[in-house]
Amino acid sequence: MKKAYLERDRRRGLYATFTWLVEEIGELANAMLNNDTKSMEEEFADVLAWLLSLANLVGIDVERAFIKKYVEKGPPP
């Protein structure tokens, strides 16, 4: 994601990139409400892509953060 999209995301800016994430979450919600598996699959991918774009913009390594919180500490109760 960083190699392919970081420069474009920087030009778009943090707020606009966040707005795209929110829009994709709405599309995912709609797909889930309609029980549309094909659309859910696409929207989960879109949500993940925009989330990773945001993380790149603010300098967060999502993989490292996930491992630190959910692997090293274990799952929440």
PDB file of N, CA and C in Angstrom:
ATOM      1  N   MET A   1       0.823  -1.185   0.000  1.00  0.00           N
ATOM      2  CA  MET A   1       0.000   0.000   0.000  1.00  0.00           C
ATOM      3  C   MET A   1       0.874   1.258   0.000  1.00  0.00           C
ATOM      4  N   LYS A   2       1.908   1.236   0.822  1.00  0.00           N
ATOM      5  CA  LYS A   2       2.754   2.420   0.921  1.00  0.00           C
ATOM      6  C   LYS A   2       3.412   2.729  -0.418  1.00  0.00           C
ATOM      7  N   LYS A   3       3.980   1.699  -1.046  1.00  0.00           N
ATOM      8  CA  LYS A   3       4.650   1.909  -2.334  1.00  0.00           C
ATOM      9  C   LYS A   3       3.683   2.411  -3.395  1.00  0.00           C
ATOM     10  N   ALA A   4       2.512   1.839  -3.435  1.00  0.00           N
ATOM     11  CA  ALA A   4       1.564   2.149  -4.504  1.00  0.00           C
ATOM     12  C   ALA A   4       0.800   3.454  -4.283  1.00  0.00           C
ATOM     13  N   TYR A   5       0.511   3.797  -3.033  1.00  0.00           N
ATOM     14  CA  TYR A   5      -0.453   4.875  -2.801  1.00  0.00           C
ATOM     15  C   TYR A   5      -0.013   6.016  -1.894  1.00  0.00           C
ATOM     16  N   LEU A   6       1.124   5.922  -1.228  1.00  0.00           N
ATOM     17  CA  LEU A   6       1.467   6.933  -0.229  1.00  0.00           C
ATOM     18  C   LEU A   6       1.529   8.340  -0.808  1.00  0.00           C
ATOM     19  N   GLU A   7       2.169   8.518  -1.939  1.00  0.00           N
ATOM     20  CA  GLU A   7       2.272   9.872  -2.501  1.00  0.00           C
ATOM     21  C   GLU A   7       0.900  10.424  -2.872  1.00  0.00           C
ATOM     22  N   ARG A   8       0.053   9.597  -3.468  1.00  0.00           N
ATOM     23  CA  ARG A   8      -1.302  10.036  -3.811  1.00  0.00           C
ATOM     24  C   ARG A   8      -2.089  10.370  -2.544  1.00  0.00           C
ATOM     25  N   ASP A   9      -1.926   9.537  -1.514  1.00  0.00           N
ATOM     26  CA  ASP A   9      -2.624   9.795  -0.248  1.00  0.00           C
ATOM     27  C   ASP A   9      -2.139  11.095   0.382  1.00  0.00           C
ATOM     28  N   ARG A  10      -0.845  11.366   0.320  1.00  0.00           N
ATOM     29  CA  ARG A  10      -0.316  12.624   0.865  1.00  0.00           C
ATOM     30  C   ARG A  10      -0.916  13.826   0.148  1.00  0.00           C
ATOM     31  N   ARG A  11      -1.018  13.721  -1.175  1.00  0.00           N
ATOM     32  CA  ARG A  11      -1.610  14.833  -1.934  1.00  0.00           C
ATOM     33  C   ARG A  11      -3.079  15.030  -1.564  1.00  0.00           C
ATOM     34  N   ARG A  12      -3.794  13.930  -1.328  1.00  0.00           N
ATOM     35  CA  ARG A  12      -5.210  13.998  -0.968  1.00  0.00           C
ATOM     36  C   ARG A  12      -5.361  14.578   0.433  1.00  0.00           C
ATOM     37  N   GLY A  13      -4.480  14.184   1.337  1.00  0.00           N
ATOM     38  CA  GLY A  13      -4.507  14.670   2.713  1.00  0.00           C
ATOM     39  C   GLY A  13      -5.214  13.717   3.661  1.00  0.00           C
ATOM     40  N   LEU A  14      -4.945  13.921   4.925  1.00  0.00           N
ATOM     41  CA  LEU A  14      -5.465  13.040   5.971  1.00  0.00           C
ATOM     42  C   LEU A  14      -6.984  13.077   6.058  1.00  0.00           C
ATOM     43  N   TYR A  15      -7.561  14.271   6.094  1.00  0.00           N
ATOM     44  CA  TYR A  15      -9.005  14.381   6.264  1.00  0.00           C
ATOM     45  C   TYR A  15      -9.758  13.737   5.097  1.00  0.00           C
ATOM     46  N   ALA A  16      -9.332  14.015   3.869  1.00  0.00           N
ATOM     47  CA  ALA A  16     -10.018  13.444   2.702  1.00  0.00           C
ATOM     48  C   ALA A  16      -9.849  11.923   2.659  1.00  0.00           C
ATOM     49  N   THR A  17      -8.686  11.444   3.046  1.00  0.00           N
ATOM     50  CA  THR A  17      -8.464  10.003   3.072  1.00  0.00           C
ATOM     51  C   THR A  17      -9.351   9.352   4.128  1.00  0.00           C
ATOM     52  N   PHE A  18      -9.479   9.997   5.284  1.00  0.00           N
ATOM     53  CA  PHE A  18     -10.374   9.495   6.324  1.00  0.00           C
ATOM     54  C   PHE A  18     -11.820   9.468   5.824  1.00  0.00           C
ATOM     55  N   THR A  19     -12.203  10.491   5.086  1.00  0.00           N
ATOM     56  CA  THR A  19     -13.556  10.545   4.536  1.00  0.00           C
ATOM     57  C   THR A  19     -13.824   9.358   3.612  1.00  0.00           C
ATOM     58  N   TRP A  20     -12.842   9.004   2.805  1.00  0.00           N
ATOM     59  CA  TRP A  20     -12.995   7.824   1.941  1.00  0.00           C
ATOM     60  C   TRP A  20     -13.186   6.556   2.773  1.00  0.00           C
ATOM     61  N   LEU A  21     -12.434   6.424   3.877  1.00  0.00           N
ATOM     62  CA  LEU A  21     -12.590   5.261   4.752  1.00  0.00           C
ATOM     63  C   LEU A  21     -14.017   5.191   5.280  1.00  0.00           C
ATOM     64  N   VAL A  22     -14.531   6.308   5.750  1.00  0.00           N
ATOM     65  CA  VAL A  22     -15.885   6.339   6.299  1.00  0.00           C
ATOM     66  C   VAL A  22     -16.895   5.947   5.225  1.00  0.00           C
ATOM     67  N   GLU A  23     -16.715   6.434   4.007  1.00  0.00           N
ATOM     68  CA  GLU A  23     -17.619   6.070   2.917  1.00  0.00           C
ATOM     69  C   GLU A  23     -17.592   4.565   2.663  1.00  0.00           C
ATOM     70  N   GLU A  24     -16.396   3.995   2.672  1.00  0.00           N
ATOM     71  CA  GLU A  24     -16.283   2.548   2.437  1.00  0.00           C
ATOM     72  C   GLU A  24     -16.908   1.744   3.574  1.00  0.00           C
ATOM     73  N   ILE A  25     -16.806   2.235   4.795  1.00  0.00           N
ATOM     74  CA  ILE A  25     -17.458   1.555   5.922  1.00  0.00           C
ATOM     75  C   ILE A  25     -18.971   1.574   5.717  1.00  0.00           C
ATOM     76  N   GLY A  26     -19.494   2.679   5.227  1.00  0.00           N
ATOM     77  CA  GLY A  26     -20.924   2.760   4.915  1.00  0.00           C
ATOM     78  C   GLY A  26     -21.323   1.761   3.841  1.00  0.00           C
ATOM     79  N   GLU A  27     -20.491   1.622   2.817  1.00  0.00           N
ATOM     80  CA  GLU A  27     -20.781   0.649   1.766  1.00  0.00           C
ATOM     81  C   GLU A  27     -20.712  -0.779   2.302  1.00  0.00           C
ATOM     82  N   LEU A  28     -19.780  -1.037   3.218  1.00  0.00           N
ATOM     83  CA  LEU A  28     -19.705  -2.350   3.849  1.00  0.00           C
ATOM     84  C   LEU A  28     -20.962  -2.613   4.670  1.00  0.00           C
ATOM     85  N   ALA A  29     -21.403  -1.625   5.417  1.00  0.00           N
ATOM     86  CA  ALA A  29     -22.624  -1.780   6.221  1.00  0.00           C
ATOM     87  C   ALA A  29     -23.806  -2.106   5.325  1.00  0.00           C
ATOM     88  N   ASN A  30     -23.914  -1.417   4.213  1.00  0.00           N
ATOM     89  CA  ASN A  30     -25.006  -1.670   3.274  1.00  0.00           C
ATOM     90  C   ASN A  30     -24.948  -3.092   2.723  1.00  0.00           C
ATOM     91  N   ALA A  31     -23.758  -3.537   2.357  1.00  0.00           N
ATOM     92  CA  ALA A  31     -23.593  -4.908   1.851  1.00  0.00           C
ATOM     93  C   ALA A  31     -23.980  -5.932   2.917  1.00  0.00           C
ATOM     94  N   MET A  32     -23.616  -5.651   4.160  1.00  0.00           N
ATOM     95  CA  MET A  32     -23.955  -6.577   5.247  1.00  0.00           C
ATOM     96  C   MET A  32     -25.457  -6.592   5.482  1.00  0.00           C
ATOM     97  N   LEU A  33     -26.086  -5.424   5.460  1.00  0.00           N
ATOM     98  CA  LEU A  33     -27.537  -5.361   5.655  1.00  0.00           C
ATOM     99  C   LEU A  33     -28.284  -6.111   4.561  1.00  0.00           C
ATOM    100  N   ASN A  34     -27.714  -6.120   3.363  1.00  0.00           N
ATOM    101  CA  ASN A  34     -28.328  -6.824   2.237  1.00  0.00           C
ATOM    102  C   ASN A  34     -27.858  -8.268   2.112  1.00  0.00           C
ATOM    103  N   ASN A  35     -27.003  -8.686   3.051  1.00  0.00           N
ATOM    104  CA  ASN A  35     -26.462 -10.043   3.044  1.00  0.00           C
ATOM    105  C   ASN A  35     -25.861 -10.400   1.679  1.00  0.00           C
ATOM    106  N   ASP A  36     -25.153  -9.440   1.087  1.00  0.00           N
ATOM    107  CA  ASP A  36     -24.552  -9.581  -0.225  1.00  0.00           C
ATOM    108  C   ASP A  36     -23.084  -9.972  -0.061  1.00  0.00           C
ATOM    109  N   THR A  37     -22.814 -11.255  -0.084  1.00  0.00           N
ATOM    110  CA  THR A  37     -21.481 -11.772   0.187  1.00  0.00           C
ATOM    111  C   THR A  37     -20.438 -11.232  -0.782  1.00  0.00           C
ATOM    112  N   LYS A  38     -20.760 -11.171  -2.056  1.00  0.00           N
ATOM    113  CA  LYS A  38     -19.803 -10.669  -3.046  1.00  0.00           C
ATOM    114  C   LYS A  38     -19.433  -9.217  -2.744  1.00  0.00           C
ATOM    115  N   SER A  39     -20.427  -8.398  -2.462  1.00  0.00           N
ATOM    116  CA  SER A  39     -20.161  -6.999  -2.129  1.00  0.00           C
ATOM    117  C   SER A  39     -19.424  -6.866  -0.803  1.00  0.00           C
ATOM    118  N   MET A  40     -19.764  -7.709   0.172  1.00  0.00           N
ATOM    119  CA  MET A  40     -19.064  -7.660   1.456  1.00  0.00           C
ATOM    120  C   MET A  40     -17.579  -7.923   1.252  1.00  0.00           C
ATOM    121  N   GLU A  41     -17.264  -8.907   0.436  1.00  0.00           N
ATOM    122  CA  GLU A  41     -15.864  -9.240   0.176  1.00  0.00           C
ATOM    123  C   GLU A  41     -15.128  -8.029  -0.403  1.00  0.00           C
ATOM    124  N   GLU A  42     -15.730  -7.379  -1.383  1.00  0.00           N
ATOM    125  CA  GLU A  42     -15.114  -6.204  -1.998  1.00  0.00           C
ATOM    126  C   GLU A  42     -14.984  -5.052  -1.006  1.00  0.00           C
ATOM    127  N   GLU A  43     -16.011  -4.840  -0.208  1.00  0.00           N
ATOM    128  CA  GLU A  43     -15.996  -3.712   0.719  1.00  0.00           C
ATOM    129  C   GLU A  43     -15.039  -3.934   1.882  1.00  0.00           C
ATOM    130  N   PHE A  44     -14.911  -5.182   2.357  1.00  0.00           N
ATOM    131  CA  PHE A  44     -13.898  -5.456   3.381  1.00  0.00           C
ATOM    132  C   PHE A  44     -12.516  -5.103   2.841  1.00  0.00           C
ATOM    133  N   ALA A  45     -12.252  -5.459   1.588  1.00  0.00           N
ATOM    134  CA  ALA A  45     -10.956  -5.130   0.973  1.00  0.00           C
ATOM    135  C   ALA A  45     -10.780  -3.620   0.883  1.00  0.00           C
ATOM    136  N   ASP A  46     -11.831  -2.907   0.489  1.00  0.00           N
ATOM    137  CA  ASP A  46     -11.745  -1.450   0.389  1.00  0.00           C
ATOM    138  C   ASP A  46     -11.502  -0.810   1.750  1.00  0.00           C
ATOM    139  N   VAL A  47     -12.218  -1.262   2.770  1.00  0.00           N
ATOM    140  CA  VAL A  47     -12.040  -0.710   4.116  1.00  0.00           C
ATOM    141  C   VAL A  47     -10.608  -0.934   4.583  1.00  0.00           C
ATOM    142  N   LEU A  48     -10.097  -2.133   4.361  1.00  0.00           N
ATOM    143  CA  LEU A  48      -8.727  -2.428   4.770  1.00  0.00           C
ATOM    144  C   LEU A  48      -7.730  -1.539   4.027  1.00  0.00           C
ATOM    145  N   ALA A  49      -7.931  -1.357   2.733  1.00  0.00           N
ATOM    146  CA  ALA A  49      -7.017  -0.526   1.945  1.00  0.00           C
ATOM    147  C   ALA A  49      -6.995   0.912   2.456  1.00  0.00           C
ATOM    148  N   TRP A  50      -8.173   1.492   2.699  1.00  0.00           N
ATOM    149  CA  TRP A  50      -8.215   2.874   3.173  1.00  0.00           C
ATOM    150  C   TRP A  50      -7.682   2.993   4.595  1.00  0.00           C
ATOM    151  N   LEU A  51      -7.902   1.991   5.431  1.00  0.00           N
ATOM    152  CA  LEU A  51      -7.351   1.999   6.780  1.00  0.00           C
ATOM    153  C   LEU A  51      -5.828   1.995   6.735  1.00  0.00           C
ATOM    154  N   LEU A  52      -5.272   1.152   5.867  1.00  0.00           N
ATOM    155  CA  LEU A  52      -3.821   1.102   5.728  1.00  0.00           C
ATOM    156  C   LEU A  52      -3.273   2.408   5.169  1.00  0.00           C
ATOM    157  N   SER A  53      -3.998   3.031   4.251  1.00  0.00           N
ATOM    158  CA  SER A  53      -3.575   4.326   3.725  1.00  0.00           C
ATOM    159  C   SER A  53      -3.500   5.363   4.836  1.00  0.00           C
ATOM    160  N   LEU A  54      -4.504   5.388   5.694  1.00  0.00           N
ATOM    161  CA  LEU A  54      -4.493   6.323   6.826  1.00  0.00           C
ATOM    162  C   LEU A  54      -3.314   6.054   7.754  1.00  0.00           C
ATOM    163  N   ALA A  55      -3.099   4.793   8.057  1.00  0.00           N
ATOM    164  CA  ALA A  55      -1.985   4.432   8.934  1.00  0.00           C
ATOM    165  C   ALA A  55      -0.659   4.889   8.336  1.00  0.00           C
ATOM    166  N   ASN A  56      -0.489   4.711   7.043  1.00  0.00           N
ATOM    167  CA  ASN A  56       0.731   5.166   6.387  1.00  0.00           C
ATOM    168  C   ASN A  56       0.898   6.666   6.501  1.00  0.00           C
ATOM    169  N   LEU A  57      -0.190   7.402   6.356  1.00  0.00           N
ATOM    170  CA  LEU A  57      -0.116   8.865   6.439  1.00  0.00           C
ATOM    171  C   LEU A  57       0.341   9.356   7.808  1.00  0.00           C
ATOM    172  N   VAL A  58      -0.023   8.631   8.859  1.00  0.00           N
ATOM    173  CA  VAL A  58       0.359   9.071  10.209  1.00  0.00           C
ATOM    174  C   VAL A  58       1.546   8.283  10.772  1.00  0.00           C
ATOM    175  N   GLY A  59       2.135   7.424   9.935  1.00  0.00           N
ATOM    176  CA  GLY A  59       3.349   6.714  10.339  1.00  0.00           C
ATOM    177  C   GLY A  59       3.147   5.543  11.279  1.00  0.00           C
ATOM    178  N   ILE A  60       2.005   4.891  11.194  1.00  0.00           N
ATOM    179  CA  ILE A  60       1.732   3.724  12.039  1.00  0.00           C
ATOM    180  C   ILE A  60       1.921   2.455  11.231  1.00  0.00           C
ATOM    181  N   ASP A  61       2.702   1.523  11.765  1.00  0.00           N
ATOM    182  CA  ASP A  61       2.868   0.202  11.158  1.00  0.00           C
ATOM    183  C   ASP A  61       1.751  -0.678  11.722  1.00  0.00           C
ATOM    184  N   VAL A  62       0.714  -0.900  10.935  1.00  0.00           N
ATOM    185  CA  VAL A  62      -0.471  -1.614  11.408  1.00  0.00           C
ATOM    186  C   VAL A  62      -0.140  -3.049  11.801  1.00  0.00           C
ATOM    187  N   GLU A  63       0.696  -3.698  11.038  1.00  0.00           N
ATOM    188  CA  GLU A  63       1.054  -5.085  11.366  1.00  0.00           C
ATOM    189  C   GLU A  63       1.733  -5.150  12.737  1.00  0.00           C
ATOM    190  N   ARG A  64       2.685  -4.253  12.978  1.00  0.00           N
ATOM    191  CA  ARG A  64       3.373  -4.230  14.266  1.00  0.00           C
ATOM    192  C   ARG A  64       2.408  -3.888  15.396  1.00  0.00           C
ATOM    193  N   ALA A  65       1.530  -2.914  15.161  1.00  0.00           N
ATOM    194  CA  ALA A  65       0.560  -2.524  16.190  1.00  0.00           C
ATOM    195  C   ALA A  65      -0.389  -3.672  16.513  1.00  0.00           C
ATOM    196  N   PHE A  66      -0.834  -4.398  15.476  1.00  0.00           N
ATOM    197  CA  PHE A  66      -1.744  -5.524  15.681  1.00  0.00           C
ATOM    198  C   PHE A  66      -1.062  -6.626  16.492  1.00  0.00           C
ATOM    199  N   ILE A  67       0.164  -6.963  16.110  1.00  0.00           N
ATOM    200  CA  ILE A  67       0.905  -8.010  16.835  1.00  0.00           C
ATOM    201  C   ILE A  67       1.114  -7.605  18.278  1.00  0.00           C
ATOM    202  N   LYS A  68       1.507  -6.369  18.497  1.00  0.00           N
ATOM    203  CA  LYS A  68       1.737  -5.877  19.862  1.00  0.00           C
ATOM    204  C   LYS A  68       0.478  -5.987  20.711  1.00  0.00           C
ATOM    205  N   LYS A  69      -0.650  -5.616  20.141  1.00  0.00           N
ATOM    206  CA  LYS A  69      -1.880  -5.602  20.931  1.00  0.00           C
ATOM    207  C   LYS A  69      -2.559  -6.961  21.033  1.00  0.00           C
ATOM    208  N   TYR A  70      -2.605  -7.722  19.934  1.00  0.00           N
ATOM    209  CA  TYR A  70      -3.425  -8.937  19.919  1.00  0.00           C
ATOM    210  C   TYR A  70      -2.646 -10.240  19.983  1.00  0.00           C
ATOM    211  N   VAL A  71      -1.367 -10.206  19.680  1.00  0.00           N
ATOM    212  CA  VAL A  71      -0.582 -11.440  19.742  1.00  0.00           C
ATOM    213  C   VAL A  71       0.236 -11.469  21.031  1.00  0.00           C
ATOM    214  N   GLU A  72       0.992 -10.399  21.267  1.00  0.00           N
ATOM    215  CA  GLU A  72       1.843 -10.380  22.445  1.00  0.00           C
ATOM    216  C   GLU A  72       1.047 -10.280  23.736  1.00  0.00           C
ATOM    217  N   LYS A  73       0.002  -9.458  23.749  1.00  0.00           N
ATOM    218  CA  LYS A  73      -0.822  -9.304  24.955  1.00  0.00           C
ATOM    219  C   LYS A  73      -1.921 -10.349  25.033  1.00  0.00           C
ATOM    220  N   GLY A  74      -2.246 -10.961  23.918  1.00  0.00           N
ATOM    221  CA  GLY A  74      -3.332 -11.916  23.889  1.00  0.00           C
ATOM    222  C   GLY A  74      -4.646 -11.228  23.609  1.00  0.00           C
ATOM    223  N   PRO A  75      -5.655 -12.016  23.274  1.00  0.00           N
ATOM    224  CA  PRO A  75      -6.954 -11.428  22.939  1.00  0.00           C
ATOM    225  C   PRO A  75      -7.597 -10.763  24.140  1.00  0.00           C
ATOM    226  N   PRO A  76      -8.406  -9.737  23.879  1.00  0.00           N
ATOM    227  CA  PRO A  76      -9.119  -9.087  24.994  1.00  0.00           C
ATOM    228  C   PRO A  76     -10.114 -10.051  25.630  1.00  0.00           C
ATOM    229  N   PRO A  77     -10.467  -9.789  26.889  1.00  0.00           N
ATOM    230  CA  PRO A  77     -11.408 -10.704  27.566  1.00  0.00           C
ATOM    231  C   PRO A  77     -12.779 -10.727  26.915  1.00  0.00           C
TER     232      PRO A  77
END
